[in-house]
Amino acid sequence: MKLDREVAGLTCARVLEHLPDFIDGRLAPAERASVEAHLAGCDVCERFGGSYGAVVAALRRELGTPEPLSRDVEQRLAQALGAPASDDP
């Protein structure tokens, strides 16, 4: 990121890395507080994060909840991507 400022102990690039988990509520409380503090002090990230969050919300609203993959499809996809498949049945 060209304008990679550090605000509240986090750089803009680091906030960008955390943004998907922030939007999904998957950050630990301390990490969430750090991202929120950065967003409160960085107008660029606050605007981008707000736009990103709005797009994610609109996509979820329009597309709905995806059907779970069958175990076979999940295994083939994981193999094609070089990642282990989940152990969930």
PDB file of N, CA and C in Angstrom:
ATOM      1  N   MET A   1       0.858  -1.168   0.000  1.00  0.00           N
ATOM      2  CA  MET A   1       0.000   0.000   0.000  1.00  0.00           C
ATOM      3  C   MET A   1       0.903   1.228   0.000  1.00  0.00           C
ATOM      4  N   LYS A   2       0.629   2.153  -0.892  1.00  0.00           N
ATOM      5  CA  LYS A   2       1.490   3.325  -1.034  1.00  0.00           C
ATOM      6  C   LYS A   2       1.449   4.206   0.212  1.00  0.00           C
ATOM      7  N   LEU A   3       0.270   4.462   0.752  1.00  0.00           N
ATOM      8  CA  LEU A   3       0.131   5.265   1.962  1.00  0.00           C
ATOM      9  C   LEU A   3      -0.019   4.322   3.146  1.00  0.00           C
ATOM     10  N   ASP A   4       1.057   3.716   3.575  1.00  0.00           N
ATOM     11  CA  ASP A   4       0.997   2.755   4.675  1.00  0.00           C
ATOM     12  C   ASP A   4       1.358   3.469   5.973  1.00  0.00           C
ATOM     13  N   ARG A   5       0.350   4.122   6.550  1.00  0.00           N
ATOM     14  CA  ARG A   5       0.565   4.863   7.788  1.00  0.00           C
ATOM     15  C   ARG A   5       0.419   3.936   8.985  1.00  0.00           C
ATOM     16  N   GLU A   6       1.058   4.309  10.067  1.00  0.00           N
ATOM     17  CA  GLU A   6       0.864   3.594  11.326  1.00  0.00           C
ATOM     18  C   GLU A   6      -0.004   4.470  12.225  1.00  0.00           C
ATOM     19  N   VAL A   7      -1.136   3.911  12.619  1.00  0.00           N
ATOM     20  CA  VAL A   7      -2.078   4.601  13.496  1.00  0.00           C
ATOM     21  C   VAL A   7      -2.483   3.612  14.578  1.00  0.00           C
ATOM     22  N   ALA A   8      -2.403   4.025  15.820  1.00  0.00           N
ATOM     23  CA  ALA A   8      -2.782   3.190  16.964  1.00  0.00           C
ATOM     24  C   ALA A   8      -2.018   1.867  16.985  1.00  0.00           C
ATOM     25  N   GLY A   9      -0.754   1.919  16.566  1.00  0.00           N
ATOM     26  CA  GLY A   9       0.101   0.749  16.636  1.00  0.00           C
ATOM     27  C   GLY A   9      -0.039  -0.241  15.489  1.00  0.00           C
ATOM     28  N   LEU A  10      -0.918   0.031  14.519  1.00  0.00           N
ATOM     29  CA  LEU A  10      -1.077  -0.844  13.361  1.00  0.00           C
ATOM     30  C   LEU A  10      -0.859  -0.053  12.084  1.00  0.00           C
ATOM     31  N   THR A  11      -0.224  -0.700  11.114  1.00  0.00           N
ATOM     32  CA  THR A  11      -0.088  -0.071   9.805  1.00  0.00           C
ATOM     33  C   THR A  11      -1.358  -0.338   9.000  1.00  0.00           C
ATOM     34  N   CYS A  12      -1.557   0.455   7.974  1.00  0.00           N
ATOM     35  CA  CYS A  12      -2.710   0.261   7.089  1.00  0.00           C
ATOM     36  C   CYS A  12      -2.662  -1.132   6.449  1.00  0.00           C
ATOM     37  N   ALA A  13      -1.473  -1.585   6.068  1.00  0.00           N
ATOM     38  CA  ALA A  13      -1.338  -2.904   5.456  1.00  0.00           C
ATOM     39  C   ALA A  13      -1.785  -4.001   6.418  1.00  0.00           C
ATOM     40  N   ARG A  14      -1.443  -3.866   7.668  1.00  0.00           N
ATOM     41  CA  ARG A  14      -1.831  -4.866   8.675  1.00  0.00           C
ATOM     42  C   ARG A  14      -3.348  -4.863   8.885  1.00  0.00           C
ATOM     43  N   VAL A  15      -3.951  -3.691   8.891  1.00  0.00           N
ATOM     44  CA  VAL A  15      -5.409  -3.590   9.021  1.00  0.00           C
ATOM     45  C   VAL A  15      -6.069  -4.263   7.824  1.00  0.00           C
ATOM     46  N   LEU A  16      -5.510  -4.050   6.643  1.00  0.00           N
ATOM     47  CA  LEU A  16      -6.050  -4.669   5.437  1.00  0.00           C
ATOM     48  C   LEU A  16      -6.003  -6.191   5.537  1.00  0.00           C
ATOM     49  N   GLU A  17      -4.938  -6.734   6.108  1.00  0.00           N
ATOM     50  CA  GLU A  17      -4.837  -8.182   6.310  1.00  0.00           C
ATOM     51  C   GLU A  17      -5.938  -8.694   7.242  1.00  0.00           C
ATOM     52  N   HIS A  18      -6.275  -7.905   8.255  1.00  0.00           N
ATOM     53  CA  HIS A  18      -7.266  -8.313   9.258  1.00  0.00           C
ATOM     54  C   HIS A  18      -8.708  -8.012   8.852  1.00  0.00           C
ATOM     55  N   LEU A  19      -8.897  -7.235   7.793  1.00  0.00           N
ATOM     56  CA  LEU A  19     -10.232  -6.753   7.459  1.00  0.00           C
ATOM     57  C   LEU A  19     -11.274  -7.858   7.256  1.00  0.00           C
ATOM     58  N   PRO A  20     -10.989  -8.931   6.510  1.00  0.00           N
ATOM     59  CA  PRO A  20     -12.011  -9.978   6.361  1.00  0.00           C
ATOM     60  C   PRO A  20     -12.442 -10.576   7.702  1.00  0.00           C
ATOM     61  N   ASP A  21     -11.481 -10.871   8.564  1.00  0.00           N
ATOM     62  CA  ASP A  21     -11.817 -11.428   9.879  1.00  0.00           C
ATOM     63  C   ASP A  21     -12.520 -10.395  10.754  1.00  0.00           C
ATOM     64  N   PHE A  22     -12.162  -9.129  10.609  1.00  0.00           N
ATOM     65  CA  PHE A  22     -12.829  -8.052  11.352  1.00  0.00           C
ATOM     66  C   PHE A  22     -14.300  -7.980  10.949  1.00  0.00           C
ATOM     67  N   ILE A  23     -14.555  -7.982   9.653  1.00  0.00           N
ATOM     68  CA  ILE A  23     -15.929  -7.908   9.136  1.00  0.00           C
ATOM     69  C   ILE A  23     -16.740  -9.118   9.603  1.00  0.00           C
ATOM     70  N   ASP A  24     -16.102 -10.285   9.629  1.00  0.00           N
ATOM     71  CA  ASP A  24     -16.798 -11.524  10.012  1.00  0.00           C
ATOM     72  C   ASP A  24     -16.863 -11.749  11.518  1.00  0.00           C
ATOM     73  N   GLY A  25     -16.249 -10.842  12.308  1.00  0.00           N
ATOM     74  CA  GLY A  25     -16.277 -10.989  13.754  1.00  0.00           C
ATOM     75  C   GLY A  25     -15.419 -12.133  14.278  1.00  0.00           C
ATOM     76  N   ARG A  26     -14.338 -12.456  13.557  1.00  0.00           N
ATOM     77  CA  ARG A  26     -13.483 -13.574  13.941  1.00  0.00           C
ATOM     78  C   ARG A  26     -12.172 -13.152  14.590  1.00  0.00           C
ATOM     79  N   LEU A  27     -12.041 -11.889  14.944  1.00  0.00           N
ATOM     80  CA  LEU A  27     -10.816 -11.441  15.616  1.00  0.00           C
ATOM     81  C   LEU A  27     -10.960 -11.584  17.121  1.00  0.00           C
ATOM     82  N   ALA A  28      -9.845 -11.869  17.762  1.00  0.00           N
ATOM     83  CA  ALA A  28      -9.810 -11.861  19.227  1.00  0.00           C
ATOM     84  C   ALA A  28     -10.111 -10.436  19.690  1.00  0.00           C
ATOM     85  N   PRO A  29     -10.663 -10.292  20.896  1.00  0.00           N
ATOM     86  CA  PRO A  29     -11.033  -8.946  21.376  1.00  0.00           C
ATOM     87  C   PRO A  29      -9.900  -7.915  21.295  1.00  0.00           C
ATOM     88  N   ALA A  30      -8.683  -8.302  21.638  1.00  0.00           N
ATOM     89  CA  ALA A  30      -7.562  -7.349  21.596  1.00  0.00           C
ATOM     90  C   ALA A  30      -7.253  -6.927  20.161  1.00  0.00           C
ATOM     91  N   GLU A  31      -7.277  -7.884  19.226  1.00  0.00           N
ATOM     92  CA  GLU A  31      -7.025  -7.558  17.823  1.00  0.00           C
ATOM     93  C   GLU A  31      -8.139  -6.660  17.282  1.00  0.00           C
ATOM     94  N   ARG A  32      -9.383  -6.986  17.641  1.00  0.00           N
ATOM     95  CA  ARG A  32     -10.524  -6.180  17.191  1.00  0.00           C
ATOM     96  C   ARG A  32     -10.381  -4.739  17.698  1.00  0.00           C
ATOM     97  N   ALA A  33     -10.000  -4.591  18.958  1.00  0.00           N
ATOM     98  CA  ALA A  33      -9.827  -3.256  19.531  1.00  0.00           C
ATOM     99  C   ALA A  33      -8.718  -2.491  18.803  1.00  0.00           C
ATOM    100  N   SER A  34      -7.633  -3.171  18.440  1.00  0.00           N
ATOM    101  CA  SER A  34      -6.535  -2.517  17.713  1.00  0.00           C
ATOM    102  C   SER A  34      -6.988  -2.040  16.340  1.00  0.00           C
ATOM    103  N   VAL A  35      -7.732  -2.893  15.630  1.00  0.00           N
ATOM    104  CA  VAL A  35      -8.233  -2.511  14.308  1.00  0.00           C
ATOM    105  C   VAL A  35      -9.215  -1.348  14.446  1.00  0.00           C
ATOM    106  N   GLU A  36     -10.105  -1.420  15.424  1.00  0.00           N
ATOM    107  CA  GLU A  36     -11.069  -0.328  15.635  1.00  0.00           C
ATOM    108  C   GLU A  36     -10.357   0.983  15.947  1.00  0.00           C
ATOM    109  N   ALA A  37      -9.301   0.916  16.753  1.00  0.00           N
ATOM    110  CA  ALA A  37      -8.538   2.129  17.087  1.00  0.00           C
ATOM    111  C   ALA A  37      -7.880   2.698  15.838  1.00  0.00           C
ATOM    112  N   HIS A  38      -7.333   1.831  14.992  1.00  0.00           N
ATOM    113  CA  HIS A  38      -6.716   2.299  13.746  1.00  0.00           C
ATOM    114  C   HIS A  38      -7.774   2.942  12.856  1.00  0.00           C
ATOM    115  N   LEU A  39      -8.912   2.271  12.694  1.00  0.00           N
ATOM    116  CA  LEU A  39      -9.975   2.801  11.841  1.00  0.00           C
ATOM    117  C   LEU A  39     -10.478   4.154  12.339  1.00  0.00           C
ATOM    118  N   ALA A  40     -10.515   4.324  13.654  1.00  0.00           N
ATOM    119  CA  ALA A  40     -10.976   5.592  14.230  1.00  0.00           C
ATOM    120  C   ALA A  40     -10.011   6.733  13.918  1.00  0.00           C
ATOM    121  N   GLY A  41      -8.726   6.410  13.719  1.00  0.00           N
ATOM    122  CA  GLY A  41      -7.736   7.454  13.476  1.00  0.00           C
ATOM    123  C   GLY A  41      -7.239   7.545  12.049  1.00  0.00           C
ATOM    124  N   CYS A  42      -7.708   6.663  11.175  1.00  0.00           N
ATOM    125  CA  CYS A  42      -7.220   6.646   9.793  1.00  0.00           C
ATOM    126  C   CYS A  42      -8.424   6.760   8.852  1.00  0.00           C
ATOM    127  N   ASP A  43      -8.613   7.947   8.306  1.00  0.00           N
ATOM    128  CA  ASP A  43      -9.778   8.161   7.450  1.00  0.00           C
ATOM    129  C   ASP A  43      -9.734   7.332   6.168  1.00  0.00           C
ATOM    130  N   VAL A  44      -8.543   7.043   5.650  1.00  0.00           N
ATOM    131  CA  VAL A  44      -8.431   6.232   4.433  1.00  0.00           C
ATOM    132  C   VAL A  44      -8.917   4.810   4.704  1.00  0.00           C
ATOM    133  N   CYS A  45      -8.432   4.204   5.767  1.00  0.00           N
ATOM    134  CA  CYS A  45      -8.845   2.836   6.093  1.00  0.00           C
ATOM    135  C   CYS A  45     -10.307   2.782   6.524  1.00  0.00           C
ATOM    136  N   GLU A  46     -10.755   3.815   7.222  1.00  0.00           N
ATOM    137  CA  GLU A  46     -12.148   3.847   7.658  1.00  0.00           C
ATOM    138  C   GLU A  46     -13.075   3.879   6.442  1.00  0.00           C
ATOM    139  N   ARG A  47     -12.750   4.698   5.444  1.00  0.00           N
ATOM    140  CA  ARG A  47     -13.569   4.755   4.226  1.00  0.00           C
ATOM    141  C   ARG A  47     -13.500   3.443   3.459  1.00  0.00           C
ATOM    142  N   PHE A  48     -12.280   2.918   3.274  1.00  0.00           N
ATOM    143  CA  PHE A  48     -12.133   1.666   2.546  1.00  0.00           C
ATOM    144  C   PHE A  48     -12.819   0.524   3.288  1.00  0.00           C
ATOM    145  N   GLY A  49     -12.617   0.448   4.594  1.00  0.00           N
ATOM    146  CA  GLY A  49     -13.245  -0.609   5.392  1.00  0.00           C
ATOM    147  C   GLY A  49     -14.757  -0.533   5.342  1.00  0.00           C
ATOM    148  N   GLY A  50     -15.299   0.679   5.366  1.00  0.00           N
ATOM    149  CA  GLY A  50     -16.743   0.841   5.263  1.00  0.00           C
ATOM    150  C   GLY A  50     -17.262   0.388   3.911  1.00  0.00           C
ATOM    151  N   SER A  51     -16.549   0.739   2.850  1.00  0.00           N
ATOM    152  CA  SER A  51     -16.944   0.305   1.504  1.00  0.00           C
ATOM    153  C   SER A  51     -16.830  -1.209   1.366  1.00  0.00           C
ATOM    154  N   TYR A  52     -15.734  -1.755   1.866  1.00  0.00           N
ATOM    155  CA  TYR A  52     -15.523  -3.198   1.811  1.00  0.00           C
ATOM    156  C   TYR A  52     -16.637  -3.921   2.566  1.00  0.00           C
ATOM    157  N   GLY A  53     -16.943  -3.457   3.759  1.00  0.00           N
ATOM    158  CA  GLY A  53     -17.995  -4.065   4.562  1.00  0.00           C
ATOM    159  C   GLY A  53     -19.351  -3.991   3.882  1.00  0.00           C
ATOM    160  N   ALA A  54     -19.636  -2.870   3.222  1.00  0.00           N
ATOM    161  CA  ALA A  54     -20.908  -2.729   2.515  1.00  0.00           C
ATOM    162  C   ALA A  54     -21.004  -3.694   1.343  1.00  0.00           C
ATOM    163  N   VAL A  55     -19.908  -3.891   0.625  1.00  0.00           N
ATOM    164  CA  VAL A  55     -19.900  -4.843  -0.492  1.00  0.00           C
ATOM    165  C   VAL A  55     -20.114  -6.265   0.025  1.00  0.00           C
ATOM    166  N   VAL A  56     -19.414  -6.635   1.086  1.00  0.00           N
ATOM    167  CA  VAL A  56     -19.572  -7.962   1.667  1.00  0.00           C
ATOM    168  C   VAL A  56     -21.018  -8.181   2.119  1.00  0.00           C
ATOM    169  N   ALA A  57     -21.594  -7.201   2.798  1.00  0.00           N
ATOM    170  CA  ALA A  57     -22.979  -7.318   3.265  1.00  0.00           C
ATOM    171  C   ALA A  57     -23.944  -7.456   2.092  1.00  0.00           C
ATOM    172  N   ALA A  58     -23.743  -6.669   1.032  1.00  0.00           N
ATOM    173  CA  ALA A  58     -24.619  -6.744  -0.141  1.00  0.00           C
ATOM    174  C   ALA A  58     -24.505  -8.097  -0.828  1.00  0.00           C
ATOM    175  N   LEU A  59     -23.293  -8.611  -0.961  1.00  0.00           N
ATOM    176  CA  LEU A  59     -23.103  -9.929  -1.578  1.00  0.00           C
ATOM    177  C   LEU A  59     -23.783 -11.017  -0.760  1.00  0.00           C
ATOM    178  N   ARG A  60     -23.616 -10.965   0.546  1.00  0.00           N
ATOM    179  CA  ARG A  60     -24.256 -11.962   1.401  1.00  0.00           C
ATOM    180  C   ARG A  60     -25.774 -11.872   1.313  1.00  0.00           C
ATOM    181  N   ARG A  61     -26.276 -10.669   1.247  1.00  0.00           N
ATOM    182  CA  ARG A  61     -27.728 -10.469   1.156  1.00  0.00           C
ATOM    183  C   ARG A  61     -28.258 -11.013  -0.176  1.00  0.00           C
ATOM    184  N   GLU A  62     -27.567 -10.722  -1.259  1.00  0.00           N
ATOM    185  CA  GLU A  62     -28.016 -11.138  -2.590  1.00  0.00           C
ATOM    186  C   GLU A  62     -27.779 -12.618  -2.870  1.00  0.00           C
ATOM    187  N   LEU A  63     -26.658 -13.124  -2.422  1.00  0.00           N
ATOM    188  CA  LEU A  63     -26.301 -14.511  -2.731  1.00  0.00           C
ATOM    189  C   LEU A  63     -26.795 -15.505  -1.694  1.00  0.00           C
ATOM    190  N   GLY A  64     -27.060 -15.032  -0.498  1.00  0.00           N
ATOM    191  CA  GLY A  64     -27.516 -15.927   0.558  1.00  0.00           C
ATOM    192  C   GLY A  64     -26.391 -16.808   1.077  1.00  0.00           C
ATOM    193  N   THR A  65     -26.759 -17.778   1.867  1.00  0.00           N
ATOM    194  CA  THR A  65     -25.796 -18.699   2.451  1.00  0.00           C
ATOM    195  C   THR A  65     -25.496 -19.812   1.452  1.00  0.00           C
ATOM    196  N   PRO A  66     -24.229 -20.055   1.177  1.00  0.00           N
ATOM    197  CA  PRO A  66     -23.897 -21.099   0.205  1.00  0.00           C
ATOM    198  C   PRO A  66     -24.202 -22.489   0.746  1.00  0.00           C
ATOM    199  N   GLU A  67     -24.526 -23.381  -0.158  1.00  0.00           N
ATOM    200  CA  GLU A  67     -24.717 -24.777   0.204  1.00  0.00           C
ATOM    201  C   GLU A  67     -23.354 -25.355   0.580  1.00  0.00           C
ATOM    202  N   PRO A  68     -23.305 -26.211   1.592  1.00  0.00           N
ATOM    203  CA  PRO A  68     -22.015 -26.824   1.929  1.00  0.00           C
ATOM    204  C   PRO A  68     -21.543 -27.738   0.803  1.00  0.00           C
ATOM    205  N   LEU A  69     -20.234 -27.811   0.646  1.00  0.00           N
ATOM    206  CA  LEU A  69     -19.657 -28.701  -0.364  1.00  0.00           C
ATOM    207  C   LEU A  69     -19.772 -30.145   0.094  1.00  0.00           C
ATOM    208  N   SER A  70     -19.934 -31.031  -0.858  1.00  0.00           N
ATOM    209  CA  SER A  70     -19.896 -32.453  -0.506  1.00  0.00           C
ATOM    210  C   SER A  70     -18.458 -32.793  -0.126  1.00  0.00           C
ATOM    211  N   ARG A  71     -18.289 -33.830   0.636  1.00  0.00           N
ATOM    212  CA  ARG A  71     -16.944 -34.245   1.092  1.00  0.00           C
ATOM    213  C   ARG A  71     -16.039 -34.507  -0.110  1.00  0.00           C
ATOM    214  N   ASP A  72     -16.582 -35.148  -1.149  1.00  0.00           N
ATOM    215  CA  ASP A  72     -15.807 -35.457  -2.344  1.00  0.00           C
ATOM    216  C   ASP A  72     -15.315 -34.181  -3.029  1.00  0.00           C
ATOM    217  N   VAL A  73     -16.199 -33.218  -3.201  1.00  0.00           N
ATOM    218  CA  VAL A  73     -15.826 -31.959  -3.848  1.00  0.00           C
ATOM    219  C   VAL A  73     -14.818 -31.211  -2.984  1.00  0.00           C
ATOM    220  N   GLU A  74     -15.028 -31.200  -1.682  1.00  0.00           N
ATOM    221  CA  GLU A  74     -14.096 -30.527  -0.781  1.00  0.00           C
ATOM    222  C   GLU A  74     -12.704 -31.144  -0.877  1.00  0.00           C
ATOM    223  N   GLN A  75     -12.632 -32.470  -0.920  1.00  0.00           N
ATOM    224  CA  GLN A  75     -11.336 -33.151  -1.012  1.00  0.00           C
ATOM    225  C   GLN A  75     -10.647 -32.859  -2.344  1.00  0.00           C
ATOM    226  N   ARG A  76     -11.398 -32.887  -3.434  1.00  0.00           N
ATOM    227  CA  ARG A  76     -10.804 -32.601  -4.747  1.00  0.00           C
ATOM    228  C   ARG A  76     -10.335 -31.155  -4.835  1.00  0.00           C
ATOM    229  N   LEU A  77     -11.108 -30.235  -4.288  1.00  0.00           N
ATOM    230  CA  LEU A  77     -10.726 -28.824  -4.286  1.00  0.00           C
ATOM    231  C   LEU A  77      -9.478 -28.608  -3.435  1.00  0.00           C
ATOM    232  N   ALA A  78      -9.446 -29.210  -2.258  1.00  0.00           N
ATOM    233  CA  ALA A  78      -8.278 -29.087  -1.381  1.00  0.00           C
ATOM    234  C   ALA A  78      -7.040 -29.653  -2.059  1.00  0.00           C
ATOM    235  N   GLN A  79      -7.212 -30.790  -2.729  1.00  0.00           N
ATOM    236  CA  GLN A  79      -6.076 -31.407  -3.422  1.00  0.00           C
ATOM    237  C   GLN A  79      -5.588 -30.502  -4.556  1.00  0.00           C
ATOM    238  N   ALA A  80      -6.513 -29.939  -5.312  1.00  0.00           N
ATOM    239  CA  ALA A  80      -6.143 -29.059  -6.417  1.00  0.00           C
ATOM    240  C   ALA A  80      -5.438 -27.801  -5.922  1.00  0.00           C
ATOM    241  N   LEU A  81      -5.819 -27.332  -4.735  1.00  0.00           N
ATOM    242  CA  LEU A  81      -5.206 -26.128  -4.169  1.00  0.00           C
ATOM    243  C   LEU A  81      -3.977 -26.434  -3.321  1.00  0.00           C
ATOM    244  N   GLY A  82      -3.708 -27.719  -3.118  1.00  0.00           N
ATOM    245  CA  GLY A  82      -2.551 -28.107  -2.322  1.00  0.00           C
ATOM    246  C   GLY A  82      -2.750 -27.903  -0.834  1.00  0.00           C
ATOM    247  N   ALA A  83      -3.999 -27.912  -0.389  1.00  0.00           N
ATOM    248  CA  ALA A  83      -4.299 -27.712   1.030  1.00  0.00           C
ATOM    249  C   ALA A  83      -4.978 -28.956   1.579  1.00  0.00           C
ATOM    250  N   PRO A  84      -4.783 -29.218   2.879  1.00  0.00           N
ATOM    251  CA  PRO A  84      -5.470 -30.374   3.458  1.00  0.00           C
ATOM    252  C   PRO A  84      -6.968 -30.114   3.563  1.00  0.00           C
ATOM    253  N   ALA A  85      -7.771 -31.138   3.317  1.00  0.00           N
ATOM    254  CA  ALA A  85      -9.224 -31.020   3.490  1.00  0.00           C
ATOM    255  C   ALA A  85      -9.534 -31.032   4.964  1.00  0.00           C
ATOM    256  N   SER A  86     -10.660 -30.452   5.333  1.00  0.00           N
ATOM    257  CA  SER A  86     -11.050 -30.454   6.745  1.00  0.00           C
ATOM    258  C   SER A  86     -11.385 -31.870   7.179  1.00  0.00           C
ATOM    259  N   ASP A  87     -11.296 -32.098   8.479  1.00  0.00           N
ATOM    260  CA  ASP A  87     -11.603 -33.422   9.027  1.00  0.00           C
ATOM    261  C   ASP A  87     -13.055 -33.580   9.355  1.00  0.00           C
ATOM    262  N   ASP A  88     -13.862 -32.532   9.178  1.00  0.00           N
ATOM    263  CA  ASP A  88     -15.281 -32.609   9.490  1.00  0.00           C
ATOM    264  C   ASP A  88     -15.976 -33.558   8.523  1.00  0.00           C
ATOM    265  N   PRO A  89     -16.860 -34.419   9.032  1.00  0.00           N
ATOM    266  CA  PRO A  89     -17.573 -35.333   8.119  1.00  0.00           C
ATOM    267  C   PRO A  89     -18.590 -34.601   7.277  1.00  0.00           C
TER     268      PRO A  89
END
